[in-house]
Amino acid sequence: MSRWSGKTEQNIGSANFERWLPFLPDGLRIYAIGDVHGRADLMERLFRLIDDDLAKRPVVRSVCVFLGDYIDRGPKSRDVVDSLIRRSRERELVFLRGNHEAVAIKCLTDQAVFENWMRRLGGLETLVSYGIEPKKVLSESGVAELQSAFRESLPEAHRRFFNGLQSTFSCGNVFFAHAGVKPGVALSDQNERDLLWIRDEFLSTAVNFEKLIVHGHTPVQRIDVRSNRINIDTGAFVTGRLTCLVVDRQTLSMLATG
């Protein structure tokens, strides 16, 4: 059976993390979900896997932590946000800010950022998901009107969702951030730009942090398990694999869509 069959893979290297045990308080389970990037279809499949896992393995309290980058690149950014808002009424969810959400919010007022977002960061697909026809608007009116169309098309509930995103989440001996953390800086003193954008300096270090870091941001073919961090961004918008790390008191396991 493939490790990406949509089944839970128990105890993925928990023995390598004795330093962090127990991961969480007793009776709590965390489901951490990687970068969605407009793949509403995969997210819904992952929700079903999580619900099935909870039905088979009930727990006193479960929390879903989303690591950011809900939008851009994939085709259904608006549907992703709608679905997350709906599910937040039924489940305990924590939403972290990704660099793509930070850019999108800035795009509402900064035209230079808007053009870069649209042409290089996958914003074009997000605009289409909100019912905008970028090529038509650009040919008729230009970037300023396209930016205005985005402001008008963004529902107030979505604006509140983006503005309410958290930079980090910490529980027990696990620390969640979109991109990672800057080595040598206390977790409580991290700069938001590093939390949203950092790559090489964080990814290349073998130094242990105060807690086990769970992050996304840098796509990998398979979940990347290191002694000091776990990367769960499996490039969903390209690979069809949206990954969820399941953290219990003493074990780590995994759910994935493909």
C-alpha atoms as a PDB file:
ATOM      1  CA  MET A   1       0.000   0.000   0.000  1.00  0.00           C
ATOM      2  CA  SER A   2       1.363   3.420  -0.954  1.00  0.00           C
ATOM      3  CA  ARG A   3       2.183   5.809   1.860  1.00  0.00           C
ATOM      4  CA  TRP A   4       0.073   8.340  -0.083  1.00  0.00           C
ATOM      5  CA  SER A   5      -3.036   6.143  -0.289  1.00  0.00           C
ATOM      6  CA  GLY A   6      -5.142   8.427   1.875  1.00  0.00           C
ATOM      7  CA  LYS A   7      -4.651   6.254   4.957  1.00  0.00           C
ATOM      8  CA  THR A   8      -3.138   7.284   8.257  1.00  0.00           C
ATOM      9  CA  GLU A   9       0.523   6.364   8.526  1.00  0.00           C
ATOM     10  CA  GLN A  10       1.210   5.934  12.218  1.00  0.00           C
ATOM     11  CA  ASN A  11       4.338   6.874  14.128  1.00  0.00           C
ATOM     12  CA  ILE A  12       6.280   8.601  11.384  1.00  0.00           C
ATOM     13  CA  GLY A  13       9.626   8.784  13.070  1.00  0.00           C
ATOM     14  CA  SER A  14       8.341   9.581  16.552  1.00  0.00           C
ATOM     15  CA  ALA A  15      11.418   7.872  17.979  1.00  0.00           C
ATOM     16  CA  ASN A  16      13.517  10.671  16.495  1.00  0.00           C
ATOM     17  CA  PHE A  17      11.697  13.253  18.603  1.00  0.00           C
ATOM     18  CA  GLU A  18      12.233  12.055  22.172  1.00  0.00           C
ATOM     19  CA  ARG A  19      13.435  15.557  23.007  1.00  0.00           C
ATOM     20  CA  TRP A  20       9.916  16.884  22.349  1.00  0.00           C
ATOM     21  CA  LEU A  21       7.849  14.160  24.047  1.00  0.00           C
ATOM     22  CA  PRO A  22       5.116  14.487  25.069  1.00  0.00           C
ATOM     23  CA  PHE A  23       4.169  16.581  22.059  1.00  0.00           C
ATOM     24  CA  LEU A  24       0.814  17.742  23.444  1.00  0.00           C
ATOM     25  CA  PRO A  25      -1.258  17.727  26.628  1.00  0.00           C
ATOM     26  CA  ASP A  26      -3.281  14.591  27.253  1.00  0.00           C
ATOM     27  CA  GLY A  27      -6.627  14.423  25.450  1.00  0.00           C
ATOM     28  CA  LEU A  28      -5.658  16.835  22.665  1.00  0.00           C
ATOM     29  CA  ARG A  29      -4.973  16.048  19.007  1.00  0.00           C
ATOM     30  CA  ILE A  30      -3.818  18.531  16.364  1.00  0.00           C
ATOM     31  CA  TYR A  31      -4.347  18.147  12.633  1.00  0.00           C
ATOM     32  CA  ALA A  32      -1.914  20.461  10.830  1.00  0.00           C
ATOM     33  CA  ILE A  33      -2.704  21.077   7.156  1.00  0.00           C
ATOM     34  CA  GLY A  34      -0.190  22.299   4.594  1.00  0.00           C
ATOM     35  CA  ASP A  35      -0.439  24.832   1.777  1.00  0.00           C
ATOM     36  CA  VAL A  36      -3.791  24.481  -0.036  1.00  0.00           C
ATOM     37  CA  HIS A  37      -3.211  27.008  -2.862  1.00  0.00           C
ATOM     38  CA  GLY A  38      -6.693  27.029  -4.324  1.00  0.00           C
ATOM     39  CA  ARG A  39      -7.217  23.262  -4.357  1.00  0.00           C
ATOM     40  CA  ALA A  40     -10.652  23.207  -2.747  1.00  0.00           C
ATOM     41  CA  ASP A  41     -11.215  19.693  -4.063  1.00  0.00           C
ATOM     42  CA  LEU A  42      -8.222  18.298  -2.188  1.00  0.00           C
ATOM     43  CA  MET A  43      -9.108  20.175   0.963  1.00  0.00           C
ATOM     44  CA  GLU A  44     -12.595  18.682   1.018  1.00  0.00           C
ATOM     45  CA  ARG A  45     -11.114  15.206   0.575  1.00  0.00           C
ATOM     46  CA  LEU A  46      -8.731  15.854   3.452  1.00  0.00           C
ATOM     47  CA  PHE A  47     -11.623  17.015   5.638  1.00  0.00           C
ATOM     48  CA  ARG A  48     -13.309  13.661   5.047  1.00  0.00           C
ATOM     49  CA  LEU A  49     -10.115  11.825   6.012  1.00  0.00           C
ATOM     50  CA  ILE A  50      -9.861  13.865   9.203  1.00  0.00           C
ATOM     51  CA  ASP A  51     -13.509  13.230  10.070  1.00  0.00           C
ATOM     52  CA  ASP A  52     -13.034   9.508   9.455  1.00  0.00           C
ATOM     53  CA  ASP A  53      -9.940   9.486  11.658  1.00  0.00           C
ATOM     54  CA  LEU A  54     -11.828  11.228  14.471  1.00  0.00           C
ATOM     55  CA  ALA A  55     -14.674   8.741  14.161  1.00  0.00           C
ATOM     56  CA  LYS A  56     -12.253   5.817  14.460  1.00  0.00           C
ATOM     57  CA  ARG A  57     -10.042   7.396  17.110  1.00  0.00           C
ATOM     58  CA  PRO A  58     -12.159   9.773  19.225  1.00  0.00           C
ATOM     59  CA  VAL A  59     -10.351  12.351  21.325  1.00  0.00           C
ATOM     60  CA  VAL A  60     -11.469  14.825  23.978  1.00  0.00           C
ATOM     61  CA  ARG A  61     -10.418  17.844  21.905  1.00  0.00           C
ATOM     62  CA  SER A  62      -9.180  18.225  18.345  1.00  0.00           C
ATOM     63  CA  VAL A  63      -7.796  21.349  16.697  1.00  0.00           C
ATOM     64  CA  CYS A  64      -7.078  21.850  12.992  1.00  0.00           C
ATOM     65  CA  VAL A  65      -4.182  24.209  12.298  1.00  0.00           C
ATOM     66  CA  PHE A  66      -3.884  25.526   8.756  1.00  0.00           C
ATOM     67  CA  LEU A  67      -0.405  26.732   7.832  1.00  0.00           C
ATOM     68  CA  GLY A  68      -1.444  29.426   5.342  1.00  0.00           C
ATOM     69  CA  ASP A  69      -1.294  29.914   1.570  1.00  0.00           C
ATOM     70  CA  TYR A  70      -4.956  29.142   1.021  1.00  0.00           C
ATOM     71  CA  ILE A  71      -5.070  31.115  -2.229  1.00  0.00           C
ATOM     72  CA  ASP A  72      -3.233  31.610  -5.555  1.00  0.00           C
ATOM     73  CA  ARG A  73      -1.904  29.206  -8.191  1.00  0.00           C
ATOM     74  CA  GLY A  74      -4.751  26.686  -7.938  1.00  0.00           C
ATOM     75  CA  PRO A  75      -8.172  27.283  -9.540  1.00  0.00           C
ATOM     76  CA  LYS A  76     -10.552  27.603  -6.555  1.00  0.00           C
ATOM     77  CA  SER A  77      -9.196  30.149  -4.073  1.00  0.00           C
ATOM     78  CA  ARG A  78     -12.580  31.673  -3.328  1.00  0.00           C
ATOM     79  CA  ASP A  79     -14.092  28.237  -2.719  1.00  0.00           C
ATOM     80  CA  VAL A  80     -11.264  27.409  -0.315  1.00  0.00           C
ATOM     81  CA  VAL A  81     -11.961  30.484   1.812  1.00  0.00           C
ATOM     82  CA  ASP A  82     -15.722  29.881   1.737  1.00  0.00           C
ATOM     83  CA  SER A  83     -15.203  26.296   2.867  1.00  0.00           C
ATOM     84  CA  LEU A  84     -12.844  27.268   5.686  1.00  0.00           C
ATOM     85  CA  ILE A  85     -15.282  29.862   6.997  1.00  0.00           C
ATOM     86  CA  ARG A  86     -18.090  27.281   6.965  1.00  0.00           C
ATOM     87  CA  ARG A  87     -16.042  24.613   8.689  1.00  0.00           C
ATOM     88  CA  SER A  88     -14.904  27.053  11.374  1.00  0.00           C
ATOM     89  CA  ARG A  89     -18.522  27.159  12.557  1.00  0.00           C
ATOM     90  CA  GLU A  90     -18.427  23.400  13.238  1.00  0.00           C
ATOM     91  CA  ARG A  91     -14.850  22.656  14.296  1.00  0.00           C
ATOM     92  CA  GLU A  92     -12.070  24.300  16.283  1.00  0.00           C
ATOM     93  CA  LEU A  93      -9.770  25.720  13.621  1.00  0.00           C
ATOM     94  CA  VAL A  94      -6.654  27.891  13.734  1.00  0.00           C
ATOM     95  CA  PHE A  95      -5.728  29.843  10.613  1.00  0.00           C
ATOM     96  CA  LEU A  96      -2.151  31.007  10.083  1.00  0.00           C
ATOM     97  CA  ARG A  97      -1.132  33.688   7.629  1.00  0.00           C
ATOM     98  CA  GLY A  98       0.884  32.659   4.589  1.00  0.00           C
ATOM     99  CA  ASN A  99       2.958  34.977   2.457  1.00  0.00           C
ATOM    100  CA  HIS A 100       0.320  34.757  -0.294  1.00  0.00           C
ATOM    101  CA  GLU A 101      -2.415  36.099   1.993  1.00  0.00           C
ATOM    102  CA  ALA A 102      -0.123  38.889   3.196  1.00  0.00           C
ATOM    103  CA  VAL A 103       0.553  39.888  -0.421  1.00  0.00           C
ATOM    104  CA  ALA A 104      -3.102  39.670  -1.444  1.00  0.00           C
ATOM    105  CA  ILE A 105      -4.209  41.999   1.346  1.00  0.00           C
ATOM    106  CA  LYS A 106      -1.495  44.482   0.403  1.00  0.00           C
ATOM    107  CA  CYS A 107      -2.707  44.270  -3.195  1.00  0.00           C
ATOM    108  CA  LEU A 108      -5.936  45.977  -2.225  1.00  0.00           C
ATOM    109  CA  THR A 109      -4.072  49.276  -1.880  1.00  0.00           C
ATOM    110  CA  ASP A 110      -0.644  48.897  -3.521  1.00  0.00           C
ATOM    111  CA  GLN A 111      -0.711  48.786  -7.322  1.00  0.00           C
ATOM    112  CA  ALA A 112       2.954  47.820  -7.715  1.00  0.00           C
ATOM    113  CA  VAL A 113       2.483  44.805  -5.432  1.00  0.00           C
ATOM    114  CA  PHE A 114      -0.733  43.961  -7.249  1.00  0.00           C
ATOM    115  CA  GLU A 115       1.005  43.607 -10.611  1.00  0.00           C
ATOM    116  CA  ASN A 116       3.721  41.354  -9.170  1.00  0.00           C
ATOM    117  CA  TRP A 117       1.124  39.221  -7.350  1.00  0.00           C
ATOM    118  CA  MET A 118      -0.963  38.821 -10.471  1.00  0.00           C
ATOM    119  CA  ARG A 119       1.853  37.999 -12.886  1.00  0.00           C
ATOM    120  CA  ARG A 120       4.309  36.035 -10.724  1.00  0.00           C
ATOM    121  CA  LEU A 121       2.618  34.694  -7.587  1.00  0.00           C
ATOM    122  CA  GLY A 122      -0.529  33.086  -8.934  1.00  0.00           C
ATOM    123  CA  GLY A 123      -2.842  36.012  -8.271  1.00  0.00           C
ATOM    124  CA  LEU A 124      -4.291  35.712 -11.753  1.00  0.00           C
ATOM    125  CA  GLU A 125      -5.972  32.426 -10.824  1.00  0.00           C
ATOM    126  CA  THR A 126      -7.296  33.987  -7.625  1.00  0.00           C
ATOM    127  CA  LEU A 127      -8.862  36.885  -9.520  1.00  0.00           C
ATOM    128  CA  VAL A 128     -10.623  34.459 -11.854  1.00  0.00           C
ATOM    129  CA  SER A 129     -11.950  32.510  -8.865  1.00  0.00           C
ATOM    130  CA  TYR A 130     -13.614  35.728  -7.661  1.00  0.00           C
ATOM    131  CA  GLY A 131     -15.430  36.118 -10.973  1.00  0.00           C
ATOM    132  CA  ILE A 132     -13.061  38.654 -12.530  1.00  0.00           C
ATOM    133  CA  GLU A 133     -11.879  38.450 -16.146  1.00  0.00           C
ATOM    134  CA  PRO A 134      -8.344  39.863 -15.889  1.00  0.00           C
ATOM    135  CA  LYS A 135      -7.527  39.906 -19.596  1.00  0.00           C
ATOM    136  CA  LYS A 136     -10.765  41.687 -20.436  1.00  0.00           C
ATOM    137  CA  VAL A 137     -10.381  44.294 -17.704  1.00  0.00           C
ATOM    138  CA  LEU A 138      -6.725  44.904 -18.569  1.00  0.00           C
ATOM    139  CA  SER A 139      -7.475  45.363 -22.270  1.00  0.00           C
ATOM    140  CA  GLU A 140     -10.290  47.792 -21.550  1.00  0.00           C
ATOM    141  CA  SER A 141      -9.151  49.759 -18.503  1.00  0.00           C
ATOM    142  CA  GLY A 142      -5.755  48.720 -17.125  1.00  0.00           C
ATOM    143  CA  VAL A 143      -4.313  47.600 -13.817  1.00  0.00           C
ATOM    144  CA  ALA A 144      -6.007  50.257 -11.664  1.00  0.00           C
ATOM    145  CA  GLU A 145      -9.445  49.054 -12.694  1.00  0.00           C
ATOM    146  CA  LEU A 146      -8.440  45.437 -12.190  1.00  0.00           C
ATOM    147  CA  GLN A 147      -7.308  46.274  -8.671  1.00  0.00           C
ATOM    148  CA  SER A 148     -10.612  48.062  -8.076  1.00  0.00           C
ATOM    149  CA  ALA A 149     -12.502  45.021  -9.365  1.00  0.00           C
ATOM    150  CA  PHE A 150     -10.682  42.831  -6.859  1.00  0.00           C
ATOM    151  CA  ARG A 151     -11.596  45.166  -3.985  1.00  0.00           C
ATOM    152  CA  GLU A 152     -15.241  45.124  -5.022  1.00  0.00           C
ATOM    153  CA  SER A 153     -15.357  41.347  -5.566  1.00  0.00           C
ATOM    154  CA  LEU A 154     -13.822  40.422  -2.209  1.00  0.00           C
ATOM    155  CA  PRO A 155     -16.668  39.626   0.208  1.00  0.00           C
ATOM    156  CA  GLU A 156     -16.519  41.299   3.593  1.00  0.00           C
ATOM    157  CA  ALA A 157     -16.367  37.866   5.250  1.00  0.00           C
ATOM    158  CA  HIS A 158     -13.248  37.062   3.229  1.00  0.00           C
ATOM    159  CA  ARG A 159     -11.658  40.382   4.112  1.00  0.00           C
ATOM    160  CA  ARG A 160     -12.258  39.647   7.793  1.00  0.00           C
ATOM    161  CA  PHE A 161     -10.831  36.151   7.309  1.00  0.00           C
ATOM    162  CA  PHE A 162      -7.601  37.491   5.772  1.00  0.00           C
ATOM    163  CA  ASN A 163      -7.218  40.246   8.357  1.00  0.00           C
ATOM    164  CA  GLY A 164      -7.799  37.811  11.217  1.00  0.00           C
ATOM    165  CA  LEU A 165      -5.059  35.327  10.326  1.00  0.00           C
ATOM    166  CA  GLN A 166      -2.457  34.533  12.999  1.00  0.00           C
ATOM    167  CA  SER A 167       1.312  34.609  12.521  1.00  0.00           C
ATOM    168  CA  THR A 168       2.015  31.539  14.687  1.00  0.00           C
ATOM    169  CA  PHE A 169       0.400  28.915  16.868  1.00  0.00           C
ATOM    170  CA  SER A 170       2.067  27.009  19.682  1.00  0.00           C
ATOM    171  CA  CYS A 171       0.816  24.134  21.802  1.00  0.00           C
ATOM    172  CA  GLY A 172       2.768  21.800  24.037  1.00  0.00           C
ATOM    173  CA  ASN A 173       6.175  21.225  22.474  1.00  0.00           C
ATOM    174  CA  VAL A 174       5.103  22.039  18.909  1.00  0.00           C
ATOM    175  CA  PHE A 175       5.328  25.423  17.170  1.00  0.00           C
ATOM    176  CA  PHE A 176       3.483  26.100  13.908  1.00  0.00           C
ATOM    177  CA  ALA A 177       4.484  28.775  11.380  1.00  0.00           C
ATOM    178  CA  HIS A 178       3.953  29.159   7.669  1.00  0.00           C
ATOM    179  CA  ALA A 179       7.554  29.298   6.430  1.00  0.00           C
ATOM    180  CA  GLY A 180       9.654  28.583   9.501  1.00  0.00           C
ATOM    181  CA  VAL A 181      11.668  30.561  12.031  1.00  0.00           C
ATOM    182  CA  LYS A 182      14.962  32.398  12.136  1.00  0.00           C
ATOM    183  CA  PRO A 183      17.684  30.380  13.912  1.00  0.00           C
ATOM    184  CA  GLY A 184      19.159  32.045  16.987  1.00  0.00           C
ATOM    185  CA  VAL A 185      16.020  34.073  17.707  1.00  0.00           C
ATOM    186  CA  ALA A 186      13.615  33.115  20.476  1.00  0.00           C
ATOM    187  CA  LEU A 187      10.294  31.838  19.168  1.00  0.00           C
ATOM    188  CA  SER A 188       8.520  34.637  21.023  1.00  0.00           C
ATOM    189  CA  ASP A 189      10.685  37.251  19.241  1.00  0.00           C
ATOM    190  CA  GLN A 190      10.344  36.080  15.650  1.00  0.00           C
ATOM    191  CA  ASN A 191       9.892  38.693  12.924  1.00  0.00           C
ATOM    192  CA  GLU A 192       6.751  38.235  10.840  1.00  0.00           C
ATOM    193  CA  ARG A 193       8.655  38.501   7.572  1.00  0.00           C
ATOM    194  CA  ASP A 194      10.766  35.491   8.580  1.00  0.00           C
ATOM    195  CA  LEU A 195       7.676  33.580   9.696  1.00  0.00           C
ATOM    196  CA  LEU A 196       6.108  34.120   6.253  1.00  0.00           C
ATOM    197  CA  TRP A 197       9.091  34.046   3.876  1.00  0.00           C
ATOM    198  CA  ILE A 198      12.211  32.414   5.351  1.00  0.00           C
ATOM    199  CA  ARG A 199      13.790  29.519   3.492  1.00  0.00           C
ATOM    200  CA  ASP A 200      17.500  28.660   3.247  1.00  0.00           C
ATOM    201  CA  GLU A 201      18.677  29.887   6.649  1.00  0.00           C
ATOM    202  CA  PHE A 202      15.940  27.901   8.379  1.00  0.00           C
ATOM    203  CA  LEU A 203      15.897  24.842   6.127  1.00  0.00           C
ATOM    204  CA  SER A 204      19.662  24.306   6.265  1.00  0.00           C
ATOM    205  CA  THR A 205      20.128  24.426  10.033  1.00  0.00           C
ATOM    206  CA  ALA A 206      20.302  21.300  12.183  1.00  0.00           C
ATOM    207  CA  VAL A 207      20.114  23.287  15.414  1.00  0.00           C
ATOM    208  CA  ASN A 208      17.228  22.392  17.690  1.00  0.00           C
ATOM    209  CA  PHE A 209      14.754  25.132  18.453  1.00  0.00           C
ATOM    210  CA  GLU A 210      12.798  25.585  21.670  1.00  0.00           C
ATOM    211  CA  LYS A 211      10.031  23.442  20.172  1.00  0.00           C
ATOM    212  CA  LEU A 212       9.502  21.157  17.186  1.00  0.00           C
ATOM    213  CA  ILE A 213       8.695  23.391  14.196  1.00  0.00           C
ATOM    214  CA  VAL A 214       5.897  22.385  11.805  1.00  0.00           C
ATOM    215  CA  HIS A 215       5.831  24.456   8.625  1.00  0.00           C
ATOM    216  CA  GLY A 216       4.999  24.655   4.934  1.00  0.00           C
ATOM    217  CA  HIS A 217       5.948  27.275   2.291  1.00  0.00           C
ATOM    218  CA  THR A 218       8.686  25.280   0.534  1.00  0.00           C
ATOM    219  CA  PRO A 219       7.136  22.544  -1.643  1.00  0.00           C
ATOM    220  CA  VAL A 220       8.544  19.029  -1.318  1.00  0.00           C
ATOM    221  CA  GLN A 221       7.502  15.811  -3.041  1.00  0.00           C
ATOM    222  CA  ARG A 222       7.085  13.969   0.246  1.00  0.00           C
ATOM    223  CA  ILE A 223       6.651  15.167   3.821  1.00  0.00           C
ATOM    224  CA  ASP A 224      10.121  16.195   5.034  1.00  0.00           C
ATOM    225  CA  VAL A 225      10.773  14.926   8.564  1.00  0.00           C
ATOM    226  CA  ARG A 226      13.868  16.312  10.318  1.00  0.00           C
ATOM    227  CA  SER A 227      14.970  16.179  13.937  1.00  0.00           C
ATOM    228  CA  ASN A 228      14.084  19.850  14.486  1.00  0.00           C
ATOM    229  CA  ARG A 229      11.284  20.495  11.975  1.00  0.00           C
ATOM    230  CA  ILE A 230       8.655  18.901   9.723  1.00  0.00           C
ATOM    231  CA  ASN A 231       7.727  20.361   6.334  1.00  0.00           C
ATOM    232  CA  ILE A 232       4.210  19.376   5.219  1.00  0.00           C
ATOM    233  CA  ASP A 233       3.898  21.476   2.044  1.00  0.00           C
ATOM    234  CA  THR A 234       3.672  18.750  -0.604  1.00  0.00           C
ATOM    235  CA  GLY A 235       2.870  21.097  -3.499  1.00  0.00           C
ATOM    236  CA  ALA A 236      -0.861  20.376  -3.610  1.00  0.00           C
ATOM    237  CA  PHE A 237      -1.659  22.636  -6.543  1.00  0.00           C
ATOM    238  CA  VAL A 238       0.750  20.673  -8.769  1.00  0.00           C
ATOM    239  CA  THR A 239       1.041  17.198  -7.210  1.00  0.00           C
ATOM    240  CA  GLY A 240      -2.522  16.614  -6.028  1.00  0.00           C
ATOM    241  CA  ARG A 241      -1.096  15.744  -2.588  1.00  0.00           C
ATOM    242  CA  LEU A 242      -2.430  17.835   0.260  1.00  0.00           C
ATOM    243  CA  THR A 243      -0.900  16.633   3.495  1.00  0.00           C
ATOM    244  CA  CYS A 244      -1.990  16.722   7.112  1.00  0.00           C
ATOM    245  CA  LEU A 245       0.314  15.983  10.037  1.00  0.00           C
ATOM    246  CA  VAL A 246      -1.554  14.393  12.928  1.00  0.00           C
ATOM    247  CA  VAL A 247      -0.005  15.190  16.300  1.00  0.00           C
ATOM    248  CA  ASP A 248      -1.074  13.249  19.389  1.00  0.00           C
ATOM    249  CA  ARG A 249       0.450  13.251  22.852  1.00  0.00           C
ATOM    250  CA  GLN A 250       3.083  10.607  22.054  1.00  0.00           C
ATOM    251  CA  THR A 251       2.833   9.952  18.308  1.00  0.00           C
ATOM    252  CA  LEU A 252       3.011  11.571  14.900  1.00  0.00           C
ATOM    253  CA  SER A 253       1.051  10.272  11.940  1.00  0.00           C
ATOM    254  CA  MET A 254      -0.070  11.505   8.562  1.00  0.00           C
ATOM    255  CA  LEU A 255      -3.071  11.880   6.297  1.00  0.00           C
ATOM    256  CA  ALA A 256      -2.755  12.774   2.615  1.00  0.00           C
ATOM    257  CA  THR A 257      -5.002  12.979  -0.435  1.00  0.00           C
ATOM    258  CA  GLY A 258      -2.953  11.086  -2.984  1.00  0.00           C
END
